[in-house]
Amino acid sequence: MTETAPSTSTGSGDYPGKTFGIVALIVAIIAPLIGLILGFVANNQSKNAGHSNGFAKAAIWVGAILTVLSVILWLTVIPGLIAASSQIPVG
């Protein structure tokens, strides 16, 4: 009786990091910095397996752009709120 090794191929076109790339893209929209990090991890997983991961690359781009925009927003809104609150009369 001969034993055969279990197949590692799913046959459905999945590759390491694909699902993680999709999750990273969704997270990048909600929490850009975390999504950016997850995108890099998913991209590295796919790259090590010899595949290209479009979802991971999209997560990296979306996460980077939204992170930069949120930093710019914080740097402009916070000083504005502090200036506005200092002009409110007390009592």
PDB file of N, CA and C in Angstrom:
ATOM      1  N   MET A   1       0.839  -1.167   0.000  1.00  0.00           N
ATOM      2  CA  MET A   1       0.000   0.000   0.000  1.00  0.00           C
ATOM      3  C   MET A   1       0.892   1.240   0.000  1.00  0.00           C
ATOM      4  N   THR A   2       0.639   2.119  -0.897  1.00  0.00           N
ATOM      5  CA  THR A   2       1.452   3.342  -1.013  1.00  0.00           C
ATOM      6  C   THR A   2       0.665   4.541  -0.502  1.00  0.00           C
ATOM      7  N   GLU A   3       1.374   5.350   0.267  1.00  0.00           N
ATOM      8  CA  GLU A   3       0.747   6.577   0.760  1.00  0.00           C
ATOM      9  C   GLU A   3       1.154   7.735  -0.134  1.00  0.00           C
ATOM     10  N   THR A   4       0.219   8.600  -0.383  1.00  0.00           N
ATOM     11  CA  THR A   4       0.527   9.792  -1.176  1.00  0.00           C
ATOM     12  C   THR A   4       0.506  11.007  -0.260  1.00  0.00           C
ATOM     13  N   ALA A   5       1.370  11.925  -0.582  1.00  0.00           N
ATOM     14  CA  ALA A   5       1.437  13.149   0.219  1.00  0.00           C
ATOM     15  C   ALA A   5       0.215  14.012  -0.083  1.00  0.00           C
ATOM     16  N   PRO A   6      -0.286  14.704   0.933  1.00  0.00           N
ATOM     17  CA  PRO A   6      -1.446  15.575   0.700  1.00  0.00           C
ATOM     18  C   PRO A   6      -1.059  16.718  -0.234  1.00  0.00           C
ATOM     19  N   SER A   7      -1.977  17.081  -1.078  1.00  0.00           N
ATOM     20  CA  SER A   7      -1.734  18.152  -2.045  1.00  0.00           C
ATOM     21  C   SER A   7      -1.798  19.504  -1.358  1.00  0.00           C
ATOM     22  N   THR A   8      -0.828  20.375  -1.669  1.00  0.00           N
ATOM     23  CA  THR A   8      -0.835  21.715  -1.082  1.00  0.00           C
ATOM     24  C   THR A   8      -1.535  22.713  -1.987  1.00  0.00           C
ATOM     25  N   SER A   9      -1.846  22.318  -3.214  1.00  0.00           N
ATOM     26  CA  SER A   9      -2.516  23.211  -4.151  1.00  0.00           C
ATOM     27  C   SER A   9      -4.022  23.084  -3.979  1.00  0.00           C
ATOM     28  N   THR A  10      -4.690  24.230  -3.872  1.00  0.00           N
ATOM     29  CA  THR A  10      -6.134  24.195  -3.715  1.00  0.00           C
ATOM     30  C   THR A  10      -6.834  24.146  -5.057  1.00  0.00           C
ATOM     31  N   GLY A  11      -6.132  24.576  -6.120  1.00  0.00           N
ATOM     32  CA  GLY A  11      -6.728  24.524  -7.441  1.00  0.00           C
ATOM     33  C   GLY A  11      -7.695  25.658  -7.717  1.00  0.00           C
ATOM     34  N   SER A  12      -7.970  26.495  -6.752  1.00  0.00           N
ATOM     35  CA  SER A  12      -8.941  27.574  -6.934  1.00  0.00           C
ATOM     36  C   SER A  12      -8.273  28.898  -7.263  1.00  0.00           C
ATOM     37  N   GLY A  13      -6.963  28.892  -7.487  1.00  0.00           N
ATOM     38  CA  GLY A  13      -6.273  30.134  -7.814  1.00  0.00           C
ATOM     39  C   GLY A  13      -5.790  30.891  -6.591  1.00  0.00           C
ATOM     40  N   ASP A  14      -5.990  30.326  -5.423  1.00  0.00           N
ATOM     41  CA  ASP A  14      -5.506  30.983  -4.209  1.00  0.00           C
ATOM     42  C   ASP A  14      -4.006  30.786  -4.085  1.00  0.00           C
ATOM     43  N   TYR A  15      -3.357  31.731  -3.477  1.00  0.00           N
ATOM     44  CA  TYR A  15      -1.932  31.665  -3.219  1.00  0.00           C
ATOM     45  C   TYR A  15      -1.676  32.322  -1.876  1.00  0.00           C
ATOM     46  N   PRO A  16      -0.546  32.062  -1.261  1.00  0.00           N
ATOM     47  CA  PRO A  16      -0.270  32.637   0.057  1.00  0.00           C
ATOM     48  C   PRO A  16      -0.340  34.159   0.028  1.00  0.00           C
ATOM     49  N   GLY A  17      -1.095  34.696   0.937  1.00  0.00           N
ATOM     50  CA  GLY A  17      -1.199  36.136   1.072  1.00  0.00           C
ATOM     51  C   GLY A  17      -2.372  36.757   0.343  1.00  0.00           C
ATOM     52  N   LYS A  18      -3.096  36.003  -0.501  1.00  0.00           N
ATOM     53  CA  LYS A  18      -4.198  36.594  -1.260  1.00  0.00           C
ATOM     54  C   LYS A  18      -5.329  37.047  -0.341  1.00  0.00           C
ATOM     55  N   THR A  19      -5.804  36.168   0.516  1.00  0.00           N
ATOM     56  CA  THR A  19      -6.876  36.533   1.438  1.00  0.00           C
ATOM     57  C   THR A  19      -6.408  37.617   2.393  1.00  0.00           C
ATOM     58  N   PHE A  20      -5.163  37.502   2.832  1.00  0.00           N
ATOM     59  CA  PHE A  20      -4.592  38.502   3.727  1.00  0.00           C
ATOM     60  C   PHE A  20      -4.510  39.864   3.029  1.00  0.00           C
ATOM     61  N   GLY A  21      -4.258  39.857   1.730  1.00  0.00           N
ATOM     62  CA  GLY A  21      -4.225  41.090   0.955  1.00  0.00           C
ATOM     63  C   GLY A  21      -5.590  41.747   0.881  1.00  0.00           C
ATOM     64  N   ILE A  22      -6.630  40.948   0.715  1.00  0.00           N
ATOM     65  CA  ILE A  22      -7.994  41.472   0.686  1.00  0.00           C
ATOM     66  C   ILE A  22      -8.347  42.085   2.033  1.00  0.00           C
ATOM     67  N   VAL A  23      -8.007  41.378   3.101  1.00  0.00           N
ATOM     68  CA  VAL A  23      -8.259  41.895   4.452  1.00  0.00           C
ATOM     69  C   VAL A  23      -7.477  43.188   4.674  1.00  0.00           C
ATOM     70  N   ALA A  24      -6.234  43.231   4.220  1.00  0.00           N
ATOM     71  CA  ALA A  24      -5.401  44.427   4.378  1.00  0.00           C
ATOM     72  C   ALA A  24      -6.016  45.617   3.656  1.00  0.00           C
ATOM     73  N   LEU A  25      -6.584  45.390   2.483  1.00  0.00           N
ATOM     74  CA  LEU A  25      -7.206  46.473   1.732  1.00  0.00           C
ATOM     75  C   LEU A  25      -8.427  47.021   2.465  1.00  0.00           C
ATOM     76  N   ILE A  26      -9.231  46.150   3.016  1.00  0.00           N
ATOM     77  CA  ILE A  26     -10.407  46.586   3.773  1.00  0.00           C
ATOM     78  C   ILE A  26      -9.977  47.352   5.020  1.00  0.00           C
ATOM     79  N   VAL A  27      -8.981  46.831   5.724  1.00  0.00           N
ATOM     80  CA  VAL A  27      -8.492  47.496   6.933  1.00  0.00           C
ATOM     81  C   VAL A  27      -7.844  48.837   6.583  1.00  0.00           C
ATOM     82  N   ALA A  28      -7.187  48.924   5.423  1.00  0.00           N
ATOM     83  CA  ALA A  28      -6.536  50.173   5.012  1.00  0.00           C
ATOM     84  C   ALA A  28      -7.544  51.302   4.850  1.00  0.00           C
ATOM     85  N   ILE A  29      -8.759  50.969   4.475  1.00  0.00           N
ATOM     86  CA  ILE A  29      -9.798  51.986   4.328  1.00  0.00           C
ATOM     87  C   ILE A  29     -10.284  52.448   5.692  1.00  0.00           C
ATOM     88  N   ILE A  30     -10.359  51.537   6.644  1.00  0.00           N
ATOM     89  CA  ILE A  30     -10.878  51.857   7.975  1.00  0.00           C
ATOM     90  C   ILE A  30      -9.785  52.408   8.886  1.00  0.00           C
ATOM     91  N   ALA A  31      -8.642  51.747   8.928  1.00  0.00           N
ATOM     92  CA  ALA A  31      -7.500  52.139   9.771  1.00  0.00           C
ATOM     93  C   ALA A  31      -6.252  52.115   8.889  1.00  0.00           C
ATOM     94  N   PRO A  32      -5.952  53.248   8.222  1.00  0.00           N
ATOM     95  CA  PRO A  32      -4.924  53.255   7.174  1.00  0.00           C
ATOM     96  C   PRO A  32      -3.545  52.759   7.589  1.00  0.00           C
ATOM     97  N   LEU A  33      -3.053  53.146   8.743  1.00  0.00           N
ATOM     98  CA  LEU A  33      -1.708  52.743   9.139  1.00  0.00           C
ATOM     99  C   LEU A  33      -1.618  51.232   9.350  1.00  0.00           C
ATOM    100  N   ILE A  34      -2.616  50.662   9.983  1.00  0.00           N
ATOM    101  CA  ILE A  34      -2.638  49.212  10.209  1.00  0.00           C
ATOM    102  C   ILE A  34      -2.780  48.483   8.870  1.00  0.00           C
ATOM    103  N   GLY A  35      -3.642  48.996   7.994  1.00  0.00           N
ATOM    104  CA  GLY A  35      -3.808  48.400   6.676  1.00  0.00           C
ATOM    105  C   GLY A  35      -2.540  48.460   5.851  1.00  0.00           C
ATOM    106  N   LEU A  36      -1.791  49.553   5.988  1.00  0.00           N
ATOM    107  CA  LEU A  36      -0.510  49.693   5.298  1.00  0.00           C
ATOM    108  C   LEU A  36       0.464  48.608   5.743  1.00  0.00           C
ATOM    109  N   ILE A  37       0.557  48.399   7.033  1.00  0.00           N
ATOM    110  CA  ILE A  37       1.453  47.370   7.582  1.00  0.00           C
ATOM    111  C   ILE A  37       1.011  45.980   7.130  1.00  0.00           C
ATOM    112  N   LEU A  38      -0.286  45.706   7.216  1.00  0.00           N
ATOM    113  CA  LEU A  38      -0.799  44.399   6.790  1.00  0.00           C
ATOM    114  C   LEU A  38      -0.579  44.187   5.294  1.00  0.00           C
ATOM    115  N   GLY A  39      -0.669  45.252   4.513  1.00  0.00           N
ATOM    116  CA  GLY A  39      -0.416  45.159   3.079  1.00  0.00           C
ATOM    117  C   GLY A  39       1.008  44.733   2.780  1.00  0.00           C
ATOM    118  N   PHE A  40       1.960  45.310   3.524  1.00  0.00           N
ATOM    119  CA  PHE A  40       3.355  44.909   3.345  1.00  0.00           C
ATOM    120  C   PHE A  40       3.556  43.441   3.712  1.00  0.00           C
ATOM    121  N   VAL A  41       2.916  43.001   4.785  1.00  0.00           N
ATOM    122  CA  VAL A  41       3.053  41.604   5.216  1.00  0.00           C
ATOM    123  C   VAL A  41       2.465  40.666   4.150  1.00  0.00           C
ATOM    124  N   ALA A  42       1.270  40.982   3.656  1.00  0.00           N
ATOM    125  CA  ALA A  42       0.629  40.142   2.642  1.00  0.00           C
ATOM    126  C   ALA A  42       1.441  40.128   1.348  1.00  0.00           C
ATOM    127  N   ASN A  43       1.986  41.282   0.977  1.00  0.00           N
ATOM    128  CA  ASN A  43       2.799  41.348  -0.240  1.00  0.00           C
ATOM    129  C   ASN A  43       4.055  40.492  -0.102  1.00  0.00           C
ATOM    130  N   ASN A  44       4.683  40.527   1.064  1.00  0.00           N
ATOM    131  CA  ASN A  44       5.878  39.709   1.287  1.00  0.00           C
ATOM    132  C   ASN A  44       5.548  38.217   1.266  1.00  0.00           C
ATOM    133  N   GLN A  45       4.409  37.841   1.829  1.00  0.00           N
ATOM    134  CA  GLN A  45       4.003  36.434   1.798  1.00  0.00           C
ATOM    135  C   GLN A  45       3.835  35.956   0.359  1.00  0.00           C
ATOM    136  N   SER A  46       3.164  36.767  -0.435  1.00  0.00           N
ATOM    137  CA  SER A  46       2.931  36.390  -1.830  1.00  0.00           C
ATOM    138  C   SER A  46       4.226  36.382  -2.628  1.00  0.00           C
ATOM    139  N   LYS A  47       5.073  37.373  -2.383  1.00  0.00           N
ATOM    140  CA  LYS A  47       6.343  37.466  -3.111  1.00  0.00           C
ATOM    141  C   LYS A  47       7.221  36.260  -2.804  1.00  0.00           C
ATOM    142  N   ASN A  48       7.237  35.830  -1.544  1.00  0.00           N
ATOM    143  CA  ASN A  48       8.033  34.656  -1.167  1.00  0.00           C
ATOM    144  C   ASN A  48       7.514  33.381  -1.822  1.00  0.00           C
ATOM    145  N   ALA A  49       6.218  33.354  -2.133  1.00  0.00           N
ATOM    146  CA  ALA A  49       5.635  32.192  -2.793  1.00  0.00           C
ATOM    147  C   ALA A  49       5.718  32.309  -4.315  1.00  0.00           C
ATOM    148  N   GLY A  50       6.234  33.448  -4.802  1.00  0.00           N
ATOM    149  CA  GLY A  50       6.399  33.623  -6.238  1.00  0.00           C
ATOM    150  C   GLY A  50       5.168  34.144  -6.955  1.00  0.00           C
ATOM    151  N   HIS A  51       4.289  34.829  -6.235  1.00  0.00           N
ATOM    152  CA  HIS A  51       3.066  35.357  -6.832  1.00  0.00           C
ATOM    153  C   HIS A  51       3.024  36.866  -6.668  1.00  0.00           C
ATOM    154  N   SER A  52       2.264  37.511  -7.531  1.00  0.00           N
ATOM    155  CA  SER A  52       2.013  38.940  -7.410  1.00  0.00           C
ATOM    156  C   SER A  52       0.664  39.126  -6.723  1.00  0.00           C
ATOM    157  N   ASN A  53       0.572  40.067  -5.809  1.00  0.00           N
ATOM    158  CA  ASN A  53      -0.649  40.251  -5.035  1.00  0.00           C
ATOM    159  C   ASN A  53      -1.160  41.682  -5.233  1.00  0.00           C
ATOM    160  N   GLY A  54      -2.103  41.833  -6.141  1.00  0.00           N
ATOM    161  CA  GLY A  54      -2.671  43.140  -6.434  1.00  0.00           C
ATOM    162  C   GLY A  54      -3.412  43.741  -5.265  1.00  0.00           C
ATOM    163  N   PHE A  55      -4.097  42.903  -4.487  1.00  0.00           N
ATOM    164  CA  PHE A  55      -4.826  43.402  -3.330  1.00  0.00           C
ATOM    165  C   PHE A  55      -3.869  43.986  -2.291  1.00  0.00           C
ATOM    166  N   ALA A  56      -2.755  43.323  -2.072  1.00  0.00           N
ATOM    167  CA  ALA A  56      -1.771  43.810  -1.104  1.00  0.00           C
ATOM    168  C   ALA A  56      -1.160  45.122  -1.581  1.00  0.00           C
ATOM    169  N   LYS A  57      -0.866  45.208  -2.874  1.00  0.00           N
ATOM    170  CA  LYS A  57      -0.308  46.451  -3.406  1.00  0.00           C
ATOM    171  C   LYS A  57      -1.312  47.591  -3.303  1.00  0.00           C
ATOM    172  N   ALA A  58      -2.578  47.295  -3.554  1.00  0.00           N
ATOM    173  CA  ALA A  58      -3.622  48.313  -3.404  1.00  0.00           C
ATOM    174  C   ALA A  58      -3.739  48.743  -1.945  1.00  0.00           C
ATOM    175  N   ALA A  59      -3.623  47.784  -1.019  1.00  0.00           N
ATOM    176  CA  ALA A  59      -3.685  48.114   0.403  1.00  0.00           C
ATOM    177  C   ALA A  59      -2.518  49.014   0.803  1.00  0.00           C
ATOM    178  N   ILE A  60      -1.353  48.769   0.234  1.00  0.00           N
ATOM    179  CA  ILE A  60      -0.184  49.606   0.528  1.00  0.00           C
ATOM    180  C   ILE A  60      -0.433  51.023   0.033  1.00  0.00           C
ATOM    181  N   TRP A  61      -0.913  51.163  -1.202  1.00  0.00           N
ATOM    182  CA  TRP A  61      -1.169  52.498  -1.751  1.00  0.00           C
ATOM    183  C   TRP A  61      -2.270  53.223  -0.988  1.00  0.00           C
ATOM    184  N   VAL A  62      -3.391  52.551  -0.758  1.00  0.00           N
ATOM    185  CA  VAL A  62      -4.513  53.180  -0.054  1.00  0.00           C
ATOM    186  C   VAL A  62      -4.099  53.540   1.371  1.00  0.00           C
ATOM    187  N   GLY A  63      -3.420  52.614   2.046  1.00  0.00           N
ATOM    188  CA  GLY A  63      -2.976  52.878   3.418  1.00  0.00           C
ATOM    189  C   GLY A  63      -2.007  54.044   3.492  1.00  0.00           C
ATOM    190  N   ALA A  64      -1.072  54.114   2.539  1.00  0.00           N
ATOM    191  CA  ALA A  64      -0.088  55.208   2.544  1.00  0.00           C
ATOM    192  C   ALA A  64      -0.757  56.546   2.274  1.00  0.00           C
ATOM    193  N   ILE A  65      -1.625  56.595   1.268  1.00  0.00           N
ATOM    194  CA  ILE A  65      -2.291  57.861   0.921  1.00  0.00           C
ATOM    195  C   ILE A  65      -3.197  58.336   2.053  1.00  0.00           C
ATOM    196  N   LEU A  66      -3.995  57.427   2.598  1.00  0.00           N
ATOM    197  CA  LEU A  66      -4.902  57.830   3.676  1.00  0.00           C
ATOM    198  C   LEU A  66      -4.155  58.174   4.959  1.00  0.00           C
ATOM    199  N   THR A  67      -3.016  57.528   5.217  1.00  0.00           N
ATOM    200  CA  THR A  67      -2.212  57.870   6.387  1.00  0.00           C
ATOM    201  C   THR A  67      -1.650  59.275   6.247  1.00  0.00           C
ATOM    202  N   VAL A  68      -1.125  59.604   5.073  1.00  0.00           N
ATOM    203  CA  VAL A  68      -0.585  60.945   4.840  1.00  0.00           C
ATOM    204  C   VAL A  68      -1.691  61.986   4.951  1.00  0.00           C
ATOM    205  N   LEU A  69      -2.845  61.706   4.360  1.00  0.00           N
ATOM    206  CA  LEU A  69      -3.953  62.656   4.439  1.00  0.00           C
ATOM    207  C   LEU A  69      -4.440  62.854   5.873  1.00  0.00           C
ATOM    208  N   SER A  70      -4.467  61.782   6.646  1.00  0.00           N
ATOM    209  CA  SER A  70      -4.915  61.922   8.040  1.00  0.00           C
ATOM    210  C   SER A  70      -3.903  62.704   8.875  1.00  0.00           C
ATOM    211  N   VAL A  71      -2.612  62.532   8.601  1.00  0.00           N
ATOM    212  CA  VAL A  71      -1.594  63.320   9.315  1.00  0.00           C
ATOM    213  C   VAL A  71      -1.734  64.798   8.958  1.00  0.00           C
ATOM    214  N   ILE A  72      -1.927  65.089   7.680  1.00  0.00           N
ATOM    215  CA  ILE A  72      -2.119  66.486   7.260  1.00  0.00           C
ATOM    216  C   ILE A  72      -3.367  67.064   7.909  1.00  0.00           C
ATOM    217  N   LEU A  73      -4.440  66.284   7.937  1.00  0.00           N
ATOM    218  CA  LEU A  73      -5.678  66.746   8.566  1.00  0.00           C
ATOM    219  C   LEU A  73      -5.464  67.053  10.039  1.00  0.00           C
ATOM    220  N   TRP A  74      -4.784  66.155  10.742  1.00  0.00           N
ATOM    221  CA  TRP A  74      -4.528  66.384  12.165  1.00  0.00           C
ATOM    222  C   TRP A  74      -3.640  67.601  12.395  1.00  0.00           C
ATOM    223  N   LEU A  75      -2.672  67.802  11.529  1.00  0.00           N
ATOM    224  CA  LEU A  75      -1.772  68.944  11.695  1.00  0.00           C
ATOM    225  C   LEU A  75      -2.456  70.272  11.392  1.00  0.00           C
ATOM    226  N   THR A  76      -3.536  70.251  10.636  1.00  0.00           N
ATOM    227  CA  THR A  76      -4.252  71.493  10.342  1.00  0.00           C
ATOM    228  C   THR A  76      -5.465  71.690  11.240  1.00  0.00           C
ATOM    229  N   VAL A  77      -6.143  70.630  11.614  1.00  0.00           N
ATOM    230  CA  VAL A  77      -7.362  70.756  12.417  1.00  0.00           C
ATOM    231  C   VAL A  77      -7.042  71.023  13.883  1.00  0.00           C
ATOM    232  N   ILE A  78      -6.109  70.316  14.462  1.00  0.00           N
ATOM    233  CA  ILE A  78      -5.810  70.478  15.890  1.00  0.00           C
ATOM    234  C   ILE A  78      -5.387  71.907  16.225  1.00  0.00           C
ATOM    235  N   PRO A  79      -4.441  72.516  15.496  1.00  0.00           N
ATOM    236  CA  PRO A  79      -4.115  73.917  15.808  1.00  0.00           C
ATOM    237  C   PRO A  79      -5.310  74.861  15.624  1.00  0.00           C
ATOM    238  N   GLY A  80      -6.151  74.562  14.630  1.00  0.00           N
ATOM    239  CA  GLY A  80      -7.351  75.375  14.434  1.00  0.00           C
ATOM    240  C   GLY A  80      -8.315  75.256  15.593  1.00  0.00           C
ATOM    241  N   LEU A  81      -8.494  74.061  16.100  1.00  0.00           N
ATOM    242  CA  LEU A  81      -9.375  73.867  17.258  1.00  0.00           C
ATOM    243  C   LEU A  81      -8.815  74.535  18.499  1.00  0.00           C
ATOM    244  N   ILE A  82      -7.503  74.477  18.678  1.00  0.00           N
ATOM    245  CA  ILE A  82      -6.891  75.136  19.836  1.00  0.00           C
ATOM    246  C   ILE A  82      -7.053  76.644  19.727  1.00  0.00           C
ATOM    247  N   ALA A  83      -6.862  77.197  18.537  1.00  0.00           N
ATOM    248  CA  ALA A  83      -7.023  78.630  18.343  1.00  0.00           C
ATOM    249  C   ALA A  83      -8.468  79.042  18.558  1.00  0.00           C
ATOM    250  N   ALA A  84      -9.406  78.253  18.071  1.00  0.00           N
ATOM    251  CA  ALA A  84     -10.829  78.558  18.230  1.00  0.00           C
ATOM    252  C   ALA A  84     -11.250  78.460  19.683  1.00  0.00           C
ATOM    253  N   SER A  85     -10.719  77.485  20.412  1.00  0.00           N
ATOM    254  CA  SER A  85     -11.113  77.329  21.813  1.00  0.00           C
ATOM    255  C   SER A  85     -10.533  78.436  22.686  1.00  0.00           C
ATOM    256  N   SER A  86      -9.435  79.023  22.268  1.00  0.00           N
ATOM    257  CA  SER A  86      -8.854  80.109  23.070  1.00  0.00           C
ATOM    258  C   SER A  86      -9.649  81.402  22.898  1.00  0.00           C
ATOM    259  N   GLN A  87     -10.502  81.486  21.879  1.00  0.00           N
ATOM    260  CA  GLN A  87     -11.297  82.670  21.653  1.00  0.00           C
ATOM    261  C   GLN A  87     -12.671  82.594  22.280  1.00  0.00           C
ATOM    262  N   ILE A  88     -13.020  81.469  22.863  1.00  0.00           N
ATOM    263  CA  ILE A  88     -14.324  81.296  23.505  1.00  0.00           C
ATOM    264  C   ILE A  88     -14.261  81.981  24.881  1.00  0.00           C
ATOM    265  N   PRO A  89     -15.193  82.924  25.133  1.00  0.00           N
ATOM    266  CA  PRO A  89     -15.198  83.592  26.439  1.00  0.00           C
ATOM    267  C   PRO A  89     -15.608  82.626  27.555  1.00  0.00           C
ATOM    268  N   VAL A  90     -14.920  82.714  28.660  1.00  0.00           N
ATOM    269  CA  VAL A  90     -15.196  81.837  29.804  1.00  0.00           C
ATOM    270  C   VAL A  90     -16.006  82.618  30.817  1.00  0.00           C
ATOM    271  N   GLY A  91     -17.111  82.019  31.261  1.00  0.00           N
ATOM    272  CA  GLY A  91     -17.926  82.552  32.328  1.00  0.00           C
ATOM    273  C   GLY A  91     -18.677  83.729  31.943  1.00  0.00           C
TER     274      GLY A  91
END
